[in-house]
Every structure is written in C-alpha cells, then in structure tokens.
C-alpha cells in the first residue's frame, strides 16, 4: 500500500483524481454542467499568477517579429491543436504572413483530427522539427505541454536552445529538471473533473495564455487601432463588411464614402484611415505605415 501511495503522489496534479468527481456519473446533467463551469472559472483564475510573465514574453515575441523572427508553437495532442488554432488565426485577424506565427504538432497534420500513437513520446522528432524549420537566434519557440513533461516538446525546446532561440514553456504543472526554457508560463489548474483529461481546465487555461501572447504582441506591433483589427484582410463578404464598417466608425464618414475611401486604399483599412486622417495619398500612406504605426502617424 505504501508503494501505491508513493506512485499516486508522483503523479502531476493534472493527472490526479478530483475530489468532486467520484459521483460524477450519478449527478444530474444540470449539476454536471454546473461543476464543469465552476472548473472553467477556476482555469481563468489559475492564469492570473502568470500574467506578468505572459506580458514579458509577449514583448519578447513582438521584438522578435519586428526584427524578422518568428513565434513557433510546439505541442502534442490538445496542446498541439491549440497552438495550431492560435497560429492559424493570426493571418486573418492581424494580416500577418503565415510564416510569422507557426505551429508544430507531434504526428503532423493527421494529429489535428486523429490520435497518433507514440508521437508525443518522440524526443528526436521534436528536435528534428526545429532543424527542419531552421530555427535560429531571431526566433521564439514556445513549447506547450500541460504536464510539462511531453518528450516531443522537451526535445524541440532543447534543440531550440542549442540553436540560440528564445524558449518558452506553457504548462499547467510545475516543470521538472528536464524541462528547460528561458521563460515558463505556468497556470496550475490542478486535477480535472475527468482525471487526466487536460483538454478541460488545462486546455482552457492554455488557450487563454496563447490568446494573450499573440494578441498582445500584435497590438504592440500596431495591428490594432482603437480596438479594431485594422490589418484585417477582407477576403470574404463578412470581412469586407467589417472593413467598411471600421472605416465608417473611425472616420465618421457615411457608409458610401467609407466604401469609396476603402477602394482607393486598395481595400486596406489601415491605409484608408491614414489617408483620411493625414491627407496622404494611398502610396505615401503605405510607405509611412511601413515605418511607423497608425497610432503614431495619426497622433504626430
């Protein structure tokens, strides 16, 4: 029995039994949903102690992106999928190149929709992914691992450090000695209602951290003006309507005039706003916006 207790103690908190889950299959659906919601709220609270370090890493990421570097997520399973989700939303939201924020998931593209057995345990594959991406000193590599133990992620971080990249570990358990990173973003979410199902609280906390990282970095880089995503690429009807609405709201122009201005700006919201507020031509507005942010241009 002593040996059994020792093994249980050695488990990371996210793998342990939740004290309120023993009767989970007996309670009403309403009670079950209420408990799940309470755990979601706990996940939000768990992120708070990491906020200062999240801000620090967001500044580092912004500096790297400004200098031509990349933010690279690495994860397995749910953690990897969350990295892919965050990276894939940056181009439509902030008008970025897909190369600026990328995600590597253990097991490759198939792992987005299927469990790839053994992929997360492959240390060498994690390291090889950094070699394949030619990671270097200008890059920031962000490993994502709820347990802080995933071999694929640790292999990638070790190789990234060897290549002089800045390294970050997003995790929900305190990292052990094998997990080496320049910065640790820790949200201690504790046991899950379904033991070991880290797609629940740990996944929620992880997504909050990734949202904060990229949003803060790109706001810092001038991709947002007065709370609007002014670098949005209007590639569909919804986004075209949003772009026209942003121009109208921020300039007080009538919808028809805003649409005309947007057309003159080549359907680039930021360029249209710079033209309106400064009187610059579209060509000159584009040139100035390569040198400074819209906020600085408008306020100068």
C-alpha atoms as a PDB file:
ATOM      1  CA  UNK A   1       0.000   0.000   0.000  1.00  0.00           C
ATOM      2  CA  UNK A   2       2.864   2.352   0.723  1.00  0.00           C
ATOM      3  CA  UNK A   3       4.188   1.819  -2.786  1.00  0.00           C
ATOM      4  CA  UNK A   4       0.758   2.619  -4.250  1.00  0.00           C
ATOM      5  CA  UNK A   5       0.534   5.926  -2.335  1.00  0.00           C
ATOM      6  CA  UNK A   6       4.031   6.848  -3.500  1.00  0.00           C
ATOM      7  CA  UNK A   7       3.053   6.326  -7.128  1.00  0.00           C
ATOM      8  CA  UNK A   8      -0.059   8.449  -6.680  1.00  0.00           C
ATOM      9  CA  UNK A   9       1.958  11.230  -5.085  1.00  0.00           C
ATOM     10  CA  UNK A  10       4.362  11.166  -8.032  1.00  0.00           C
ATOM     11  CA  UNK A  11       1.563  11.931 -10.478  1.00  0.00           C
ATOM     12  CA  UNK A  12       1.394  15.520 -11.722  1.00  0.00           C
ATOM     13  CA  UNK A  13      -1.648  17.328 -10.254  1.00  0.00           C
ATOM     14  CA  UNK A  14      -3.472  17.371 -13.600  1.00  0.00           C
ATOM     15  CA  UNK A  15      -3.449  13.548 -13.615  1.00  0.00           C
ATOM     16  CA  UNK A  16      -4.802  13.083 -10.088  1.00  0.00           C
ATOM     17  CA  UNK A  17      -8.351  12.330  -9.002  1.00  0.00           C
ATOM     18  CA  UNK A  18     -10.535  15.408  -8.445  1.00  0.00           C
ATOM     19  CA  UNK A  19     -12.193  15.375  -5.009  1.00  0.00           C
ATOM     20  CA  UNK A  20     -15.574  16.279  -6.550  1.00  0.00           C
ATOM     21  CA  UNK A  21     -15.590  13.669  -9.295  1.00  0.00           C
ATOM     22  CA  UNK A  22     -16.345  10.397  -7.500  1.00  0.00           C
ATOM     23  CA  UNK A  23     -20.083  10.773  -8.090  1.00  0.00           C
ATOM     24  CA  UNK A  24     -19.780  12.416 -11.494  1.00  0.00           C
ATOM     25  CA  UNK A  25     -21.730   9.657 -13.246  1.00  0.00           C
ATOM     26  CA  UNK A  26     -24.543   9.849 -10.666  1.00  0.00           C
ATOM     27  CA  UNK A  27     -25.380  13.567 -10.586  1.00  0.00           C
ATOM     28  CA  UNK A  28     -27.951  15.279 -12.803  1.00  0.00           C
ATOM     29  CA  UNK A  29     -26.884  16.769 -16.116  1.00  0.00           C
ATOM     30  CA  UNK A  30     -27.571  20.235 -14.683  1.00  0.00           C
ATOM     31  CA  UNK A  31     -25.241  19.575 -11.742  1.00  0.00           C
ATOM     32  CA  UNK A  32     -22.584  18.135 -14.034  1.00  0.00           C
ATOM     33  CA  UNK A  33     -22.659  21.180 -16.311  1.00  0.00           C
ATOM     34  CA  UNK A  34     -22.528  23.474 -13.246  1.00  0.00           C
ATOM     35  CA  UNK A  35     -19.429  21.692 -11.924  1.00  0.00           C
ATOM     36  CA  UNK A  36     -17.746  21.884 -15.321  1.00  0.00           C
ATOM     37  CA  UNK A  37     -18.479  25.608 -15.466  1.00  0.00           C
ATOM     38  CA  UNK A  38     -17.036  26.121 -11.983  1.00  0.00           C
ATOM     39  CA  UNK A  39     -13.874  24.360 -13.127  1.00  0.00           C
ATOM     40  CA  UNK A  40     -13.702  26.666 -16.184  1.00  0.00           C
ATOM     41  CA  UNK A  41     -13.842  29.654 -13.826  1.00  0.00           C
ATOM     42  CA  UNK A  42     -11.027  28.079 -11.807  1.00  0.00           C
ATOM     43  CA  UNK A  43      -8.970  27.788 -15.009  1.00  0.00           C
ATOM     44  CA  UNK A  44      -9.307  31.528 -15.590  1.00  0.00           C
ATOM     45  CA  UNK A  45      -8.155  32.227 -12.019  1.00  0.00           C
ATOM     46  CA  UNK A  46      -5.183  29.887 -12.481  1.00  0.00           C
ATOM     47  CA  UNK A  47      -3.813  32.071 -15.267  1.00  0.00           C
ATOM     48  CA  UNK A  48      -3.672  35.236 -13.151  1.00  0.00           C
ATOM     49  CA  UNK A  49      -0.343  34.495 -11.350  1.00  0.00           C
ATOM     50  CA  UNK A  50       1.326  34.112 -14.771  1.00  0.00           C
ATOM     51  CA  UNK A  51       0.158  37.437 -16.229  1.00  0.00           C
ATOM     52  CA  UNK A  52       3.356  39.402 -15.588  1.00  0.00           C
ATOM     53  CA  UNK A  53       5.445  36.717 -17.274  1.00  0.00           C
ATOM     54  CA  UNK A  54       2.945  36.445 -20.153  1.00  0.00           C
ATOM     55  CA  UNK A  55       3.370  40.192 -20.714  1.00  0.00           C
ATOM     56  CA  UNK A  56       7.154  39.816 -20.639  1.00  0.00           C
ATOM     57  CA  UNK A  57       7.074  37.009 -23.215  1.00  0.00           C
ATOM     58  CA  UNK A  58       4.619  38.959 -25.403  1.00  0.00           C
ATOM     59  CA  UNK A  59       7.125  41.838 -25.526  1.00  0.00           C
ATOM     60  CA  UNK A  60       9.895  39.405 -26.441  1.00  0.00           C
ATOM     61  CA  UNK A  61       7.727  37.910 -29.190  1.00  0.00           C
ATOM     62  CA  UNK A  62       6.852  41.372 -30.529  1.00  0.00           C
ATOM     63  CA  UNK A  63      10.530  42.340 -30.640  1.00  0.00           C
ATOM     64  CA  UNK A  64      11.372  39.091 -32.441  1.00  0.00           C
ATOM     65  CA  UNK A  65       8.606  39.554 -35.012  1.00  0.00           C
ATOM     66  CA  UNK A  66       9.620  43.174 -35.577  1.00  0.00           C
ATOM     67  CA  UNK A  67      13.174  42.021 -36.276  1.00  0.00           C
ATOM     68  CA  UNK A  68      12.050  39.408 -38.812  1.00  0.00           C
ATOM     69  CA  UNK A  69      11.956  36.449 -36.446  1.00  0.00           C
ATOM     70  CA  UNK A  70       9.111  34.022 -35.813  1.00  0.00           C
ATOM     71  CA  UNK A  71       6.941  32.754 -32.989  1.00  0.00           C
ATOM     72  CA  UNK A  72       6.840  28.949 -33.215  1.00  0.00           C
ATOM     73  CA  UNK A  73       4.458  26.824 -31.157  1.00  0.00           C
ATOM     74  CA  UNK A  74       5.291  23.175 -30.442  1.00  0.00           C
ATOM     75  CA  UNK A  75       2.885  20.737 -28.817  1.00  0.00           C
ATOM     76  CA  UNK A  76       1.238  17.322 -28.861  1.00  0.00           C
ATOM     77  CA  UNK A  77      -2.415  16.311 -28.662  1.00  0.00           C
ATOM     78  CA  UNK A  78      -4.722  19.017 -27.334  1.00  0.00           C
ATOM     79  CA  UNK A  79      -1.755  21.303 -26.596  1.00  0.00           C
ATOM     80  CA  UNK A  80      -0.536  20.996 -30.171  1.00  0.00           C
ATOM     81  CA  UNK A  81      -4.010  21.624 -31.582  1.00  0.00           C
ATOM     82  CA  UNK A  82      -4.342  24.775 -29.500  1.00  0.00           C
ATOM     83  CA  UNK A  83      -1.044  26.001 -30.937  1.00  0.00           C
ATOM     84  CA  UNK A  84      -2.280  25.319 -34.478  1.00  0.00           C
ATOM     85  CA  UNK A  85      -5.544  27.123 -33.710  1.00  0.00           C
ATOM     86  CA  UNK A  86      -3.826  30.244 -32.393  1.00  0.00           C
ATOM     87  CA  UNK A  87      -1.256  30.360 -35.202  1.00  0.00           C
ATOM     88  CA  UNK A  88      -3.869  29.874 -37.927  1.00  0.00           C
ATOM     89  CA  UNK A  89      -5.979  32.777 -36.638  1.00  0.00           C
ATOM     90  CA  UNK A  90      -3.164  35.341 -36.821  1.00  0.00           C
ATOM     91  CA  UNK A  91      -3.229  35.952 -40.623  1.00  0.00           C
ATOM     92  CA  UNK A  92      -6.983  36.683 -40.869  1.00  0.00           C
ATOM     93  CA  UNK A  93      -7.047  38.675 -37.623  1.00  0.00           C
ATOM     94  CA  UNK A  94      -3.843  40.684 -37.880  1.00  0.00           C
ATOM     95  CA  UNK A  95      -2.954  40.494 -41.583  1.00  0.00           C
ATOM     96  CA  UNK A  96       0.254  38.635 -40.836  1.00  0.00           C
ATOM     97  CA  UNK A  97       2.200  36.267 -43.052  1.00  0.00           C
ATOM     98  CA  UNK A  98       1.554  32.589 -42.193  1.00  0.00           C
ATOM     99  CA  UNK A  99       5.310  32.252 -41.696  1.00  0.00           C
ATOM    100  CA  UNK A 100       5.387  34.686 -38.753  1.00  0.00           C
ATOM    101  CA  UNK A 101       3.462  32.505 -36.290  1.00  0.00           C
ATOM    102  CA  UNK A 102       3.673  28.779 -36.985  1.00  0.00           C
ATOM    103  CA  UNK A 103       2.714  25.644 -35.098  1.00  0.00           C
ATOM    104  CA  UNK A 104       4.271  22.190 -34.972  1.00  0.00           C
ATOM    105  CA  UNK A 105       2.162  19.304 -33.697  1.00  0.00           C
ATOM    106  CA  UNK A 106       3.550  15.878 -32.861  1.00  0.00           C
ATOM    107  CA  UNK A 107       2.398  13.421 -35.510  1.00  0.00           C
ATOM    108  CA  UNK A 108       1.965  16.082 -38.180  1.00  0.00           C
ATOM    109  CA  UNK A 109      -1.220  17.177 -39.930  1.00  0.00           C
ATOM    110  CA  UNK A 110      -3.040  13.899 -39.223  1.00  0.00           C
ATOM    111  CA  UNK A 111      -2.732  14.595 -35.494  1.00  0.00           C
ATOM    112  CA  UNK A 112      -5.110  17.549 -35.851  1.00  0.00           C
ATOM    113  CA  UNK A 113      -8.060  15.160 -36.156  1.00  0.00           C
ATOM    114  CA  UNK A 114      -6.716  11.773 -35.039  1.00  0.00           C
ATOM    115  CA  UNK A 115      -4.664  10.428 -32.151  1.00  0.00           C
ATOM    116  CA  UNK A 116      -1.227   9.474 -33.490  1.00  0.00           C
ATOM    117  CA  UNK A 117       0.052   6.808 -31.135  1.00  0.00           C
ATOM    118  CA  UNK A 118       3.517   7.390 -29.723  1.00  0.00           C
ATOM    119  CA  UNK A 119       4.054  10.737 -31.471  1.00  0.00           C
ATOM    120  CA  UNK A 120       4.267  12.737 -28.250  1.00  0.00           C
ATOM    121  CA  UNK A 121       6.962  10.405 -26.870  1.00  0.00           C
ATOM    122  CA  UNK A 122       9.380  11.002 -29.751  1.00  0.00           C
ATOM    123  CA  UNK A 123      12.113  13.297 -28.429  1.00  0.00           C
ATOM    124  CA  UNK A 124      14.111  13.074 -31.663  1.00  0.00           C
ATOM    125  CA  UNK A 125      11.115  14.089 -33.780  1.00  0.00           C
ATOM    126  CA  UNK A 126      10.655  17.193 -31.651  1.00  0.00           C
ATOM    127  CA  UNK A 127      14.294  18.154 -32.150  1.00  0.00           C
ATOM    128  CA  UNK A 128      14.093  17.353 -35.878  1.00  0.00           C
ATOM    129  CA  UNK A 129      11.160  19.744 -36.280  1.00  0.00           C
ATOM    130  CA  UNK A 130      13.375  22.608 -35.128  1.00  0.00           C
ATOM    131  CA  UNK A 131      16.089  21.562 -37.582  1.00  0.00           C
ATOM    132  CA  UNK A 132      13.546  21.394 -40.403  1.00  0.00           C
ATOM    133  CA  UNK A 133      12.292  24.906 -39.605  1.00  0.00           C
ATOM    134  CA  UNK A 134      15.867  26.221 -39.406  1.00  0.00           C
ATOM    135  CA  UNK A 135      15.246  27.763 -36.012  1.00  0.00           C
ATOM    136  CA  UNK A 136      17.751  30.421 -35.077  1.00  0.00           C
ATOM    137  CA  UNK A 137      18.554  33.281 -32.677  1.00  0.00           C
ATOM    138  CA  UNK A 138      15.830  35.575 -34.058  1.00  0.00           C
ATOM    139  CA  UNK A 139      13.050  33.092 -33.247  1.00  0.00           C
ATOM    140  CA  UNK A 140      10.928  32.467 -30.160  1.00  0.00           C
ATOM    141  CA  UNK A 141       9.982  28.810 -29.654  1.00  0.00           C
ATOM    142  CA  UNK A 142       7.015  28.228 -27.360  1.00  0.00           C
ATOM    143  CA  UNK A 143       6.548  24.664 -26.136  1.00  0.00           C
ATOM    144  CA  UNK A 144       3.034  23.768 -24.961  1.00  0.00           C
ATOM    145  CA  UNK A 145       2.656  20.867 -22.538  1.00  0.00           C
ATOM    146  CA  UNK A 146       0.024  20.639 -19.804  1.00  0.00           C
ATOM    147  CA  UNK A 147       2.149  18.101 -17.938  1.00  0.00           C
ATOM    148  CA  UNK A 148       5.427  19.979 -18.592  1.00  0.00           C
ATOM    149  CA  UNK A 149       6.826  16.526 -19.420  1.00  0.00           C
ATOM    150  CA  UNK A 150       5.923  15.794 -23.064  1.00  0.00           C
ATOM    151  CA  UNK A 151       9.099  14.355 -24.671  1.00  0.00           C
ATOM    152  CA  UNK A 152       8.334  15.733 -28.157  1.00  0.00           C
ATOM    153  CA  UNK A 153       8.045  19.245 -26.718  1.00  0.00           C
ATOM    154  CA  UNK A 154      11.114  18.944 -24.481  1.00  0.00           C
ATOM    155  CA  UNK A 155      13.157  17.648 -27.428  1.00  0.00           C
ATOM    156  CA  UNK A 156      12.105  20.660 -29.501  1.00  0.00           C
ATOM    157  CA  UNK A 157      12.936  23.100 -26.695  1.00  0.00           C
ATOM    158  CA  UNK A 158      16.364  21.567 -26.136  1.00  0.00           C
ATOM    159  CA  UNK A 159      17.200  21.853 -29.853  1.00  0.00           C
ATOM    160  CA  UNK A 160      15.829  25.403 -29.992  1.00  0.00           C
ATOM    161  CA  UNK A 161      18.026  26.399 -27.040  1.00  0.00           C
ATOM    162  CA  UNK A 162      21.011  24.786 -28.736  1.00  0.00           C
ATOM    163  CA  UNK A 163      20.272  26.981 -31.744  1.00  0.00           C
ATOM    164  CA  UNK A 164      20.160  30.104 -29.526  1.00  0.00           C
ATOM    165  CA  UNK A 165      16.424  30.753 -29.951  1.00  0.00           C
ATOM    166  CA  UNK A 166      14.471  32.219 -27.029  1.00  0.00           C
ATOM    167  CA  UNK A 167      12.418  29.438 -25.446  1.00  0.00           C
ATOM    168  CA  UNK A 168       9.108  29.443 -23.571  1.00  0.00           C
ATOM    169  CA  UNK A 169       7.166  26.642 -21.881  1.00  0.00           C
ATOM    170  CA  UNK A 170       3.405  26.955 -21.375  1.00  0.00           C
ATOM    171  CA  UNK A 171       2.316  24.357 -18.805  1.00  0.00           C
ATOM    172  CA  UNK A 172      -0.207  23.517 -16.092  1.00  0.00           C
ATOM    173  CA  UNK A 173       2.108  21.554 -13.792  1.00  0.00           C
ATOM    174  CA  UNK A 174       5.376  22.703 -12.295  1.00  0.00           C
ATOM    175  CA  UNK A 175       8.184  21.674 -14.650  1.00  0.00           C
ATOM    176  CA  UNK A 176      10.794  19.171 -13.558  1.00  0.00           C
ATOM    177  CA  UNK A 177      14.557  19.372 -14.157  1.00  0.00           C
ATOM    178  CA  UNK A 178      14.271  18.008 -17.717  1.00  0.00           C
ATOM    179  CA  UNK A 179      12.062  20.890 -18.826  1.00  0.00           C
ATOM    180  CA  UNK A 180      14.445  23.720 -19.646  1.00  0.00           C
ATOM    181  CA  UNK A 181      13.180  27.016 -21.037  1.00  0.00           C
ATOM    182  CA  UNK A 182      14.080  30.686 -20.705  1.00  0.00           C
ATOM    183  CA  UNK A 183      10.543  31.531 -19.611  1.00  0.00           C
ATOM    184  CA  UNK A 184       7.830  29.400 -18.003  1.00  0.00           C
ATOM    185  CA  UNK A 185       4.156  30.390 -18.251  1.00  0.00           C
ATOM    186  CA  UNK A 186       2.585  28.276 -15.529  1.00  0.00           C
ATOM    187  CA  UNK A 187      -1.144  28.005 -14.820  1.00  0.00           C
ATOM    188  CA  UNK A 188      -1.604  25.449 -12.053  1.00  0.00           C
ATOM    189  CA  UNK A 189      -5.078  24.181 -12.909  1.00  0.00           C
ATOM    190  CA  UNK A 190      -4.932  21.066 -10.708  1.00  0.00           C
ATOM    191  CA  UNK A 191      -6.952  17.865 -11.122  1.00  0.00           C
ATOM    192  CA  UNK A 192      -9.578  17.618 -13.847  1.00  0.00           C
ATOM    193  CA  UNK A 193     -13.156  16.524 -13.176  1.00  0.00           C
ATOM    194  CA  UNK A 194     -12.393  13.679 -15.563  1.00  0.00           C
ATOM    195  CA  UNK A 195      -8.989  12.612 -14.263  1.00  0.00           C
ATOM    196  CA  UNK A 196      -6.220  13.243 -16.762  1.00  0.00           C
ATOM    197  CA  UNK A 197      -8.484  14.882 -19.364  1.00  0.00           C
ATOM    198  CA  UNK A 198      -6.365  18.002 -19.781  1.00  0.00           C
ATOM    199  CA  UNK A 199      -8.482  19.172 -22.720  1.00  0.00           C
ATOM    200  CA  UNK A 200     -10.719  20.574 -19.949  1.00  0.00           C
ATOM    201  CA  UNK A 201      -9.280  23.089 -17.436  1.00  0.00           C
ATOM    202  CA  UNK A 202      -5.693  22.826 -18.632  1.00  0.00           C
ATOM    203  CA  UNK A 203      -6.791  23.320 -22.236  1.00  0.00           C
ATOM    204  CA  UNK A 204      -8.866  26.356 -21.296  1.00  0.00           C
ATOM    205  CA  UNK A 205      -6.001  27.952 -19.363  1.00  0.00           C
ATOM    206  CA  UNK A 206      -3.575  27.209 -22.200  1.00  0.00           C
ATOM    207  CA  UNK A 207      -5.822  28.857 -24.775  1.00  0.00           C
ATOM    208  CA  UNK A 208      -6.144  31.950 -22.582  1.00  0.00           C
ATOM    209  CA  UNK A 209      -2.355  32.237 -22.408  1.00  0.00           C
ATOM    210  CA  UNK A 210      -1.855  31.777 -26.163  1.00  0.00           C
ATOM    211  CA  UNK A 211      -4.612  34.301 -26.910  1.00  0.00           C
ATOM    212  CA  UNK A 212      -2.897  36.809 -24.651  1.00  0.00           C
ATOM    213  CA  UNK A 213       0.549  36.187 -26.166  1.00  0.00           C
ATOM    214  CA  UNK A 214      -0.315  36.775 -29.807  1.00  0.00           C
ATOM    215  CA  UNK A 215      -2.925  39.468 -29.215  1.00  0.00           C
ATOM    216  CA  UNK A 216      -0.579  41.483 -27.002  1.00  0.00           C
ATOM    217  CA  UNK A 217       2.340  41.039 -29.381  1.00  0.00           C
ATOM    218  CA  UNK A 218       0.391  42.202 -32.427  1.00  0.00           C
ATOM    219  CA  UNK A 219      -1.336  45.080 -30.638  1.00  0.00           C
ATOM    220  CA  UNK A 220       2.172  46.191 -29.642  1.00  0.00           C
ATOM    221  CA  UNK A 221       3.186  45.993 -33.301  1.00  0.00           C
ATOM    222  CA  UNK A 222       0.359  48.316 -34.357  1.00  0.00           C
ATOM    223  CA  UNK A 223      -2.001  45.716 -35.798  1.00  0.00           C
ATOM    224  CA  UNK A 224      -4.892  47.112 -33.751  1.00  0.00           C
ATOM    225  CA  UNK A 225      -6.094  50.716 -33.629  1.00  0.00           C
ATOM    226  CA  UNK A 226      -8.725  51.905 -31.152  1.00  0.00           C
ATOM    227  CA  UNK A 227      -9.723  48.309 -30.512  1.00  0.00           C
ATOM    228  CA  UNK A 228     -10.224  47.443 -34.196  1.00  0.00           C
ATOM    229  CA  UNK A 229      -8.276  44.872 -36.220  1.00  0.00           C
ATOM    230  CA  UNK A 230      -7.176  47.406 -38.825  1.00  0.00           C
ATOM    231  CA  UNK A 231      -4.845  44.975 -40.603  1.00  0.00           C
ATOM    232  CA  UNK A 232      -7.673  42.524 -41.313  1.00  0.00           C
ATOM    233  CA  UNK A 233      -7.641  41.044 -44.798  1.00  0.00           C
ATOM    234  CA  UNK A 234     -11.157  41.382 -46.268  1.00  0.00           C
ATOM    235  CA  UNK A 235     -11.135  38.026 -48.039  1.00  0.00           C
ATOM    236  CA  UNK A 236     -14.855  37.253 -47.693  1.00  0.00           C
ATOM    237  CA  UNK A 237     -18.162  39.114 -47.509  1.00  0.00           C
ATOM    238  CA  UNK A 238     -18.210  39.212 -43.705  1.00  0.00           C
ATOM    239  CA  UNK A 239     -14.716  40.696 -43.535  1.00  0.00           C
ATOM    240  CA  UNK A 240     -15.405  43.160 -46.346  1.00  0.00           C
ATOM    241  CA  UNK A 241     -18.443  44.417 -44.440  1.00  0.00           C
ATOM    242  CA  UNK A 242     -16.372  44.630 -41.245  1.00  0.00           C
ATOM    243  CA  UNK A 243     -13.643  46.604 -43.022  1.00  0.00           C
ATOM    244  CA  UNK A 244     -16.141  49.125 -44.413  1.00  0.00           C
ATOM    245  CA  UNK A 245     -17.825  49.421 -41.012  1.00  0.00           C
ATOM    246  CA  UNK A 246     -14.492  50.062 -39.272  1.00  0.00           C
ATOM    247  CA  UNK A 247     -13.605  52.846 -41.694  1.00  0.00           C
ATOM    248  CA  UNK A 248     -17.049  54.431 -41.279  1.00  0.00           C
ATOM    249  CA  UNK A 249     -16.941  54.221 -37.470  1.00  0.00           C
ATOM    250  CA  UNK A 250     -13.426  55.576 -37.108  1.00  0.00           C
ATOM    251  CA  UNK A 251     -13.798  58.424 -39.608  1.00  0.00           C
ATOM    252  CA  UNK A 252     -17.488  59.351 -39.115  1.00  0.00           C
ATOM    253  CA  UNK A 253     -17.920  59.045 -42.868  1.00  0.00           C
ATOM    254  CA  UNK A 254     -21.190  57.891 -44.403  1.00  0.00           C
ATOM    255  CA  UNK A 255     -21.102  54.195 -45.457  1.00  0.00           C
ATOM    256  CA  UNK A 256     -20.872  55.039 -49.168  1.00  0.00           C
ATOM    257  CA  UNK A 257     -17.976  57.455 -48.610  1.00  0.00           C
ATOM    258  CA  UNK A 258     -16.197  54.964 -46.355  1.00  0.00           C
ATOM    259  CA  UNK A 259     -16.529  52.264 -49.008  1.00  0.00           C
ATOM    260  CA  UNK A 260     -15.128  54.617 -51.658  1.00  0.00           C
ATOM    261  CA  UNK A 261     -12.171  55.531 -49.445  1.00  0.00           C
ATOM    262  CA  UNK A 262     -11.508  51.850 -48.803  1.00  0.00           C
ATOM    263  CA  UNK A 263     -11.470  51.163 -52.542  1.00  0.00           C
ATOM    264  CA  UNK A 264      -8.983  53.999 -53.082  1.00  0.00           C
ATOM    265  CA  UNK A 265      -6.801  52.432 -50.385  1.00  0.00           C
ATOM    266  CA  UNK A 266      -6.745  49.072 -52.143  1.00  0.00           C
ATOM    267  CA  UNK A 267      -9.156  47.649 -49.542  1.00  0.00           C
ATOM    268  CA  UNK A 268      -6.570  48.122 -46.776  1.00  0.00           C
ATOM    269  CA  UNK A 269      -8.267  49.540 -43.700  1.00  0.00           C
ATOM    270  CA  UNK A 270      -5.103  50.930 -42.167  1.00  0.00           C
ATOM    271  CA  UNK A 271      -4.144  52.719 -45.384  1.00  0.00           C
ATOM    272  CA  UNK A 272      -7.663  54.168 -45.730  1.00  0.00           C
ATOM    273  CA  UNK A 273      -7.511  55.537 -42.187  1.00  0.00           C
ATOM    274  CA  UNK A 274      -4.059  57.011 -42.702  1.00  0.00           C
ATOM    275  CA  UNK A 275      -5.269  58.717 -45.884  1.00  0.00           C
ATOM    276  CA  UNK A 276      -8.289  60.173 -44.121  1.00  0.00           C
ATOM    277  CA  UNK A 277      -6.519  61.463 -41.019  1.00  0.00           C
ATOM    278  CA  UNK A 278      -3.327  62.768 -42.665  1.00  0.00           C
ATOM    279  CA  UNK A 279      -4.358  63.679 -46.204  1.00  0.00           C
ATOM    280  CA  UNK A 280      -1.656  61.426 -47.648  1.00  0.00           C
ATOM    281  CA  UNK A 281      -2.078  59.584 -50.937  1.00  0.00           C
ATOM    282  CA  UNK A 282      -2.513  55.824 -50.820  1.00  0.00           C
ATOM    283  CA  UNK A 283       1.074  55.343 -51.982  1.00  0.00           C
ATOM    284  CA  UNK A 284       2.521  57.699 -49.382  1.00  0.00           C
ATOM    285  CA  UNK A 285       0.311  56.282 -46.623  1.00  0.00           C
ATOM    286  CA  UNK A 286       1.570  52.758 -47.365  1.00  0.00           C
ATOM    287  CA  UNK A 287       5.158  53.987 -47.302  1.00  0.00           C
ATOM    288  CA  UNK A 288       4.737  55.757 -43.954  1.00  0.00           C
ATOM    289  CA  UNK A 289       2.955  52.783 -42.398  1.00  0.00           C
ATOM    290  CA  UNK A 290       5.985  50.627 -43.126  1.00  0.00           C
ATOM    291  CA  UNK A 291       7.980  52.994 -40.932  1.00  0.00           C
ATOM    292  CA  UNK A 292       5.578  53.556 -38.037  1.00  0.00           C
ATOM    293  CA  UNK A 293       2.242  52.528 -36.533  1.00  0.00           C
ATOM    294  CA  UNK A 294      -1.093  54.059 -37.481  1.00  0.00           C
ATOM    295  CA  UNK A 295      -1.425  55.469 -33.963  1.00  0.00           C
ATOM    296  CA  UNK A 296       1.927  57.267 -34.216  1.00  0.00           C
ATOM    297  CA  UNK A 297       1.132  58.529 -37.712  1.00  0.00           C
ATOM    298  CA  UNK A 298      -2.275  59.895 -36.736  1.00  0.00           C
ATOM    299  CA  UNK A 299      -1.117  61.428 -33.444  1.00  0.00           C
ATOM    300  CA  UNK A 300       2.051  63.036 -34.820  1.00  0.00           C
END
